[in-house]
Amino acid sequence: MMPKHILVTGANGQLGNEMRNILASDNGAVPYFTDVNELDITSREAIESFLDEHRVDYLVNCAAFTAVDKAENNVELCTKLNAQAVQLLAEAAHKHGAKMVQVSTDYVFDGENCRPYREDDPTCPVSVYGRTKLEGEKRLFAAAPESVVLRTAWLYSPYGHNFVKTMINLGKTKPALKVVVDQLGTPTYAKDLAGAIMTVINAPEWHSGIYHYSDEGAISWYDFTKAIHRLAGITTCQVNACMSEEYPTPAHRPHYSVLDKSKFKQTFGATIPYWEDSLKDCIERLNQE
């Protein structure tokens, strides 16, 4: 069997690092890992040059502007990274015969649902981040209709900045915290998402389209924090529930962003881990550092 040549952009981020880990033990893959220093994804010339020099069968775009609140005052940069760069990557992938996997977000929805969001539900982003990610999806399929979009939510890992690491640090240094209880979603372990991406790539057939992927279950940020502290052995911090109005942020958050994973599970025959089992694994890894 011919090895799969896989380009991972944004390789220094949470998901990119988990892609490094999973591909390190994959003998059937030849990976290329790039971040901004190795490949400027906002430059058509840089992308074309890279794909001219390297055989790429699959392009996994883990790069994005993900600072949701900062995005509100950085529309131009957010658009450049989340939409324009996606178009450039998609055009180059299509030209070179590579299949592209783009990571998207629950923020393409307004969060007003009361049941898990399906892939064909109407999109209605309420933040700059959400709007630019949706624009990226549209530009992707316009340039490379054979692509795959994986929408995910509440990503965390042992790498970089994320909610789990922040709550552990605050739990160890603060006597009390207020965490919103009226925003519901599903935490997603970046290790699991990396596994899902490889499931897409290694499937016997290529199945283009939009898929939802997060871990199983649904929880509020408050309950998630309580679980983080319990599993991390933090007992000295009082976690108090509050409503979103008590904790205003520059960007509006969806109040309900649970994703329906039925399509992914049926298409790829996949089993998805429960969020708390994955959280336990992540905290064990953090404790080993």
Protein backbone atom coordinates (compact mmCIF):
# COMPACT_ATOMS: atom_id res chain seq x y z
CA MET A 1 0.00 0.00 0.00
CA MET A 2 1.32 3.43 -0.94
CA PRO A 3 1.94 5.73 2.05
CA LYS A 4 -0.39 8.68 2.46
CA HIS A 5 1.38 12.05 2.29
CA ILE A 6 -0.38 14.34 4.78
CA LEU A 7 0.20 18.07 5.21
CA VAL A 8 -0.90 19.45 8.59
CA THR A 9 -1.06 23.24 8.82
CA GLY A 10 -1.26 25.00 12.18
CA ALA A 11 0.82 22.14 13.56
CA ASN A 12 1.89 23.99 16.73
CA GLY A 13 -1.66 24.42 18.01
CA GLN A 14 -3.76 22.08 20.16
CA LEU A 15 -5.05 19.94 17.32
CA GLY A 16 -1.85 20.19 15.31
CA ASN A 17 0.17 18.78 18.21
CA GLU A 18 -2.27 15.89 18.60
CA MET A 19 -1.94 15.25 14.85
CA ARG A 20 1.84 15.09 15.38
CA ASN A 21 1.33 12.46 18.09
CA ILE A 22 -1.06 10.30 16.13
CA LEU A 23 1.00 10.41 12.93
CA ALA A 24 4.24 9.63 14.76
CA SER A 25 3.11 6.01 15.12
CA ASP A 26 1.40 5.74 11.70
CA ASN A 27 3.71 3.79 9.41
CA GLY A 28 1.32 4.30 6.52
CA ALA A 29 1.73 8.07 6.54
CA VAL A 30 4.36 10.56 5.44
CA PRO A 31 3.50 13.73 7.39
CA TYR A 32 4.52 17.33 6.81
CA PHE A 33 3.94 19.64 9.75
CA THR A 34 3.88 23.37 9.16
CA ASP A 35 3.06 26.46 11.15
CA VAL A 36 3.49 30.11 10.27
CA ASN A 37 7.30 29.88 10.19
CA GLU A 38 7.26 26.99 7.70
CA LEU A 39 4.29 27.95 5.54
CA ASP A 40 2.39 31.24 5.24
CA ILE A 41 -1.13 30.04 4.46
CA THR A 42 -2.18 33.59 3.56
CA SER A 43 0.23 33.55 0.59
CA ARG A 44 -0.88 31.86 -2.63
CA GLU A 45 2.75 31.75 -3.80
CA ALA A 46 3.97 30.07 -0.60
CA ILE A 47 1.24 27.43 -0.73
CA GLU A 48 1.79 26.73 -4.43
CA SER A 49 5.53 26.46 -3.89
CA PHE A 50 5.10 23.99 -1.03
CA LEU A 51 2.71 21.77 -2.99
CA ASP A 52 4.97 21.92 -6.04
CA GLU A 53 7.90 20.70 -3.94
CA HIS A 54 6.09 18.08 -1.85
CA ARG A 55 3.68 15.36 -2.79
CA VAL A 56 0.53 15.97 -0.74
CA ASP A 57 -2.41 13.54 -0.81
CA TYR A 58 -4.30 15.07 2.11
CA LEU A 59 -4.25 18.60 3.49
CA VAL A 60 -5.49 18.96 7.08
CA ASN A 61 -5.97 22.62 7.99
CA CYS A 62 -5.64 23.06 11.75
CA ALA A 63 -4.71 26.73 11.44
CA ALA A 64 -7.23 29.40 12.45
CA PHE A 65 -7.82 32.61 14.36
CA THR A 66 -9.54 31.10 17.41
CA ALA A 67 -9.41 33.91 19.99
CA VAL A 68 -13.17 34.45 19.96
CA ASP A 69 -13.26 37.70 21.95
CA LYS A 70 -10.22 39.25 20.24
CA ALA A 71 -11.82 38.47 16.87
CA GLU A 72 -14.47 41.13 17.50
CA ASN A 73 -11.81 43.84 17.10
CA ASN A 74 -9.66 41.99 14.56
CA VAL A 75 -12.11 41.40 11.73
CA GLU A 76 -9.55 41.79 8.96
CA LEU A 77 -7.02 39.34 10.40
CA CYS A 78 -9.74 36.90 11.44
CA THR A 79 -11.17 36.95 7.90
CA LYS A 80 -7.71 36.52 6.41
CA LEU A 81 -6.95 33.40 8.45
CA ASN A 82 -10.40 31.80 8.72
CA ALA A 83 -11.75 32.48 5.23
CA GLN A 84 -9.22 33.80 2.71
CA ALA A 85 -6.46 31.36 3.70
CA VAL A 86 -8.92 28.45 3.55
CA GLN A 87 -9.79 29.43 -0.02
CA LEU A 88 -6.12 29.59 -1.02
CA LEU A 89 -5.41 26.18 0.54
CA ALA A 90 -8.49 24.67 -1.09
CA GLU A 91 -7.62 26.03 -4.53
CA ALA A 92 -4.09 24.67 -4.29
CA ALA A 93 -5.24 21.29 -2.93
CA HIS A 94 -7.79 20.94 -5.74
CA LYS A 95 -5.20 21.88 -8.36
CA HIS A 96 -2.71 19.31 -7.04
CA GLY A 97 -5.26 16.54 -6.55
CA ALA A 98 -5.11 16.57 -2.74
CA LYS A 99 -8.13 16.04 -0.52
CA MET A 100 -8.65 18.72 2.14
CA VAL A 101 -10.02 18.43 5.69
CA GLN A 102 -11.07 21.73 7.23
CA VAL A 103 -11.84 22.11 10.94
CA SER A 104 -14.82 24.35 11.68
CA THR A 105 -16.93 25.21 14.70
CA ASP A 106 -20.25 25.15 16.54
CA TYR A 107 -20.11 28.96 16.35
CA VAL A 108 -21.64 28.81 12.85
CA PHE A 109 -24.96 28.40 14.72
CA ASP A 110 -26.72 30.97 16.90
CA GLY A 111 -27.24 28.59 19.82
CA GLU A 112 -31.00 29.02 19.97
CA ASN A 113 -31.76 25.32 19.34
CA CYS A 114 -33.05 22.96 22.01
CA ARG A 115 -31.84 19.76 20.29
CA PRO A 116 -28.38 18.82 18.97
CA TYR A 117 -27.46 20.61 15.76
CA ARG A 118 -27.39 18.60 12.55
CA GLU A 119 -25.19 19.39 9.57
CA ASP A 120 -28.12 20.64 7.49
CA ASP A 121 -29.54 22.96 10.15
CA PRO A 122 -29.59 26.64 9.11
CA THR A 123 -26.41 28.50 10.05
CA CYS A 124 -26.63 31.87 11.78
CA PRO A 125 -23.35 32.94 13.41
CA VAL A 126 -23.57 35.69 16.04
CA SER A 127 -19.86 36.55 16.33
CA VAL A 128 -17.02 37.61 14.05
CA TYR A 129 -15.30 34.29 14.72
CA GLY A 130 -18.41 32.33 13.73
CA ARG A 131 -19.03 34.41 10.62
CA THR A 132 -15.45 34.04 9.37
CA LYS A 133 -15.41 30.29 10.00
CA LEU A 134 -18.68 29.90 8.07
CA GLU A 135 -17.25 32.00 5.25
CA GLY A 136 -14.27 29.65 5.25
CA GLU A 137 -16.58 26.65 4.82
CA LYS A 138 -18.30 28.30 1.86
CA ARG A 139 -15.05 29.27 0.17
CA LEU A 140 -13.67 25.77 0.73
CA PHE A 141 -16.51 24.01 -1.07
CA ALA A 142 -16.58 26.62 -3.85
CA ALA A 143 -12.89 25.94 -4.55
CA ALA A 144 -12.77 22.22 -3.75
CA PRO A 145 -16.21 20.56 -3.63
CA GLU A 146 -14.64 17.20 -2.73
CA SER A 147 -13.48 18.51 0.67
CA VAL A 148 -14.51 17.53 4.21
CA VAL A 149 -15.49 19.94 6.99
CA LEU A 150 -15.43 18.74 10.57
CA ARG A 151 -17.30 21.08 12.90
CA THR A 152 -16.26 20.72 16.51
CA ALA A 153 -16.71 22.50 19.85
CA TRP A 154 -15.09 23.30 23.19
CA LEU A 155 -11.65 22.01 22.21
CA TYR A 156 -9.06 21.28 24.90
CA SER A 157 -5.78 19.35 25.24
CA PRO A 158 -2.53 19.36 27.23
CA TYR A 159 -1.21 21.92 24.72
CA GLY A 160 -1.55 25.69 24.46
CA HIS A 161 -4.25 27.78 26.09
CA ASN A 162 -7.65 26.19 26.73
CA PHE A 163 -10.47 26.03 29.26
CA VAL A 164 -9.28 22.90 31.06
CA LYS A 165 -5.78 24.22 31.73
CA THR A 166 -7.15 27.63 32.72
CA MET A 167 -9.62 26.15 35.22
CA ILE A 168 -6.91 23.97 36.76
CA ASN A 169 -4.60 26.97 37.15
CA LEU A 170 -7.36 29.15 38.59
CA GLY A 171 -8.53 26.35 40.85
CA LYS A 172 -5.06 26.10 42.35
CA THR A 173 -4.63 29.85 42.85
CA LYS A 174 -8.11 31.29 43.55
CA PRO A 175 -10.38 30.68 46.54
CA ALA A 176 -13.52 30.97 44.39
CA LEU A 177 -14.66 31.12 40.74
CA LYS A 178 -17.86 32.10 38.94
CA VAL A 179 -18.63 30.00 35.85
CA VAL A 180 -21.63 30.27 33.53
CA VAL A 181 -24.27 27.58 33.90
CA ASP A 182 -26.61 28.60 31.05
CA GLN A 183 -24.33 27.69 28.12
CA LEU A 184 -24.55 24.03 27.15
CA GLY A 185 -22.27 22.12 24.82
CA THR A 186 -19.84 19.23 24.63
CA PRO A 187 -16.14 19.36 25.47
CA THR A 188 -13.94 17.86 22.75
CA TYR A 189 -10.53 16.36 23.47
CA ALA A 190 -8.18 17.36 20.64
CA LYS A 191 -6.70 13.84 20.74
CA ASP A 192 -10.15 12.45 19.88
CA LEU A 193 -10.63 15.00 17.09
CA ALA A 194 -7.24 14.08 15.61
CA GLY A 195 -8.38 10.45 15.67
CA ALA A 196 -11.59 11.46 13.88
CA ILE A 197 -9.57 13.22 11.17
CA MET A 198 -7.53 10.08 10.61
CA THR A 199 -10.75 8.05 10.49
CA VAL A 200 -11.86 10.28 7.60
CA ILE A 201 -8.51 9.93 5.81
CA ASN A 202 -8.18 6.18 6.33
CA ALA A 203 -11.76 5.30 5.34
CA PRO A 204 -11.98 2.83 2.41
CA GLU A 205 -13.79 5.53 0.42
CA TRP A 206 -13.57 9.31 0.55
CA HIS A 207 -16.80 10.83 1.87
CA SER A 208 -16.86 14.56 1.17
CA GLY A 209 -19.22 16.97 2.95
CA ILE A 210 -19.86 18.50 6.36
CA TYR A 211 -19.71 16.39 9.54
CA HIS A 212 -20.16 17.21 13.20
CA TYR A 213 -17.66 15.83 15.68
CA SER A 214 -17.39 16.42 19.41
CA ASP A 215 -17.16 13.98 22.29
CA GLU A 216 -20.40 12.40 23.55
CA GLY A 217 -22.65 14.00 26.13
CA ALA A 218 -23.78 17.51 27.01
CA ILE A 219 -22.81 19.75 29.90
CA SER A 220 -22.61 23.37 31.06
CA TRP A 221 -19.34 25.23 31.56
CA TYR A 222 -20.09 25.21 35.30
CA ASP A 223 -20.52 21.43 35.44
CA PHE A 224 -17.45 21.01 33.24
CA THR A 225 -15.40 23.07 35.69
CA LYS A 226 -16.65 21.01 38.63
CA ALA A 227 -15.57 17.83 36.80
CA ILE A 228 -12.16 19.32 35.97
CA HIS A 229 -11.52 20.20 39.60
CA ARG A 230 -12.75 16.82 40.85
CA LEU A 231 -10.53 14.87 38.44
CA ALA A 232 -7.57 17.18 39.09
CA GLY A 233 -7.96 16.76 42.86
CA ILE A 234 -8.65 20.45 43.48
CA THR A 235 -10.68 20.90 46.68
CA THR A 236 -9.78 24.38 47.90
CA CYS A 237 -11.63 26.43 45.25
CA GLN A 238 -15.37 27.16 45.50
CA VAL A 239 -16.99 27.04 42.04
CA ASN A 240 -20.16 29.13 41.84
CA ALA A 241 -22.70 29.06 39.03
CA CYS A 242 -23.66 32.31 37.30
CA MET A 243 -25.69 33.38 34.27
CA SER A 244 -24.13 34.71 31.07
CA GLU A 245 -25.39 38.24 31.83
CA GLU A 246 -23.23 38.23 34.97
CA TYR A 247 -20.13 37.43 32.93
CA PRO A 248 -20.24 39.64 29.82
CA THR A 249 -17.73 38.99 27.01
CA PRO A 250 -16.98 40.96 23.81
CA ALA A 251 -18.25 38.06 21.64
CA HIS A 252 -21.69 36.54 22.03
CA ARG A 253 -21.58 32.82 22.84
CA PRO A 254 -24.17 30.28 21.68
CA HIS A 255 -26.31 29.22 24.64
CA TYR A 256 -26.77 25.73 23.21
CA SER A 257 -24.20 24.20 20.89
CA VAL A 258 -24.49 20.43 21.29
CA LEU A 259 -23.68 18.78 17.96
CA ASP A 260 -25.47 15.75 16.51
CA LYS A 261 -22.77 13.24 15.51
CA SER A 262 -25.11 10.67 13.90
CA LYS A 263 -23.87 11.35 10.35
CA PHE A 264 -20.22 10.89 11.31
CA LYS A 265 -20.92 7.70 13.25
CA GLN A 266 -23.04 6.19 10.47
CA THR A 267 -20.73 7.19 7.61
CA PHE A 268 -17.50 6.01 9.21
CA GLY A 269 -18.75 3.33 11.62
CA ALA A 270 -17.10 5.27 14.42
CA THR A 271 -17.51 5.10 18.18
CA ILE A 272 -17.10 8.45 19.93
CA PRO A 273 -15.70 8.69 23.49
CA TYR A 274 -17.69 10.15 26.39
CA TRP A 275 -16.42 13.60 27.37
CA GLU A 276 -15.57 12.70 30.98
CA ASP A 277 -13.48 9.67 29.99
CA SER A 278 -11.47 11.85 27.65
CA LEU A 279 -11.10 14.61 30.25
CA LYS A 280 -9.68 12.03 32.65
CA ASP A 281 -7.07 11.02 30.04
CA CYS A 282 -6.08 14.64 29.42
CA ILE A 283 -5.66 15.42 33.12
CA GLU A 284 -3.55 12.27 33.59
CA ARG A 285 -1.27 13.50 30.79
CA LEU A 286 -1.07 16.96 32.38
CA ASN A 287 -0.10 15.37 35.70
CA GLN A 288 2.78 13.55 34.00
CA GLU A 289 4.32 16.80 32.72
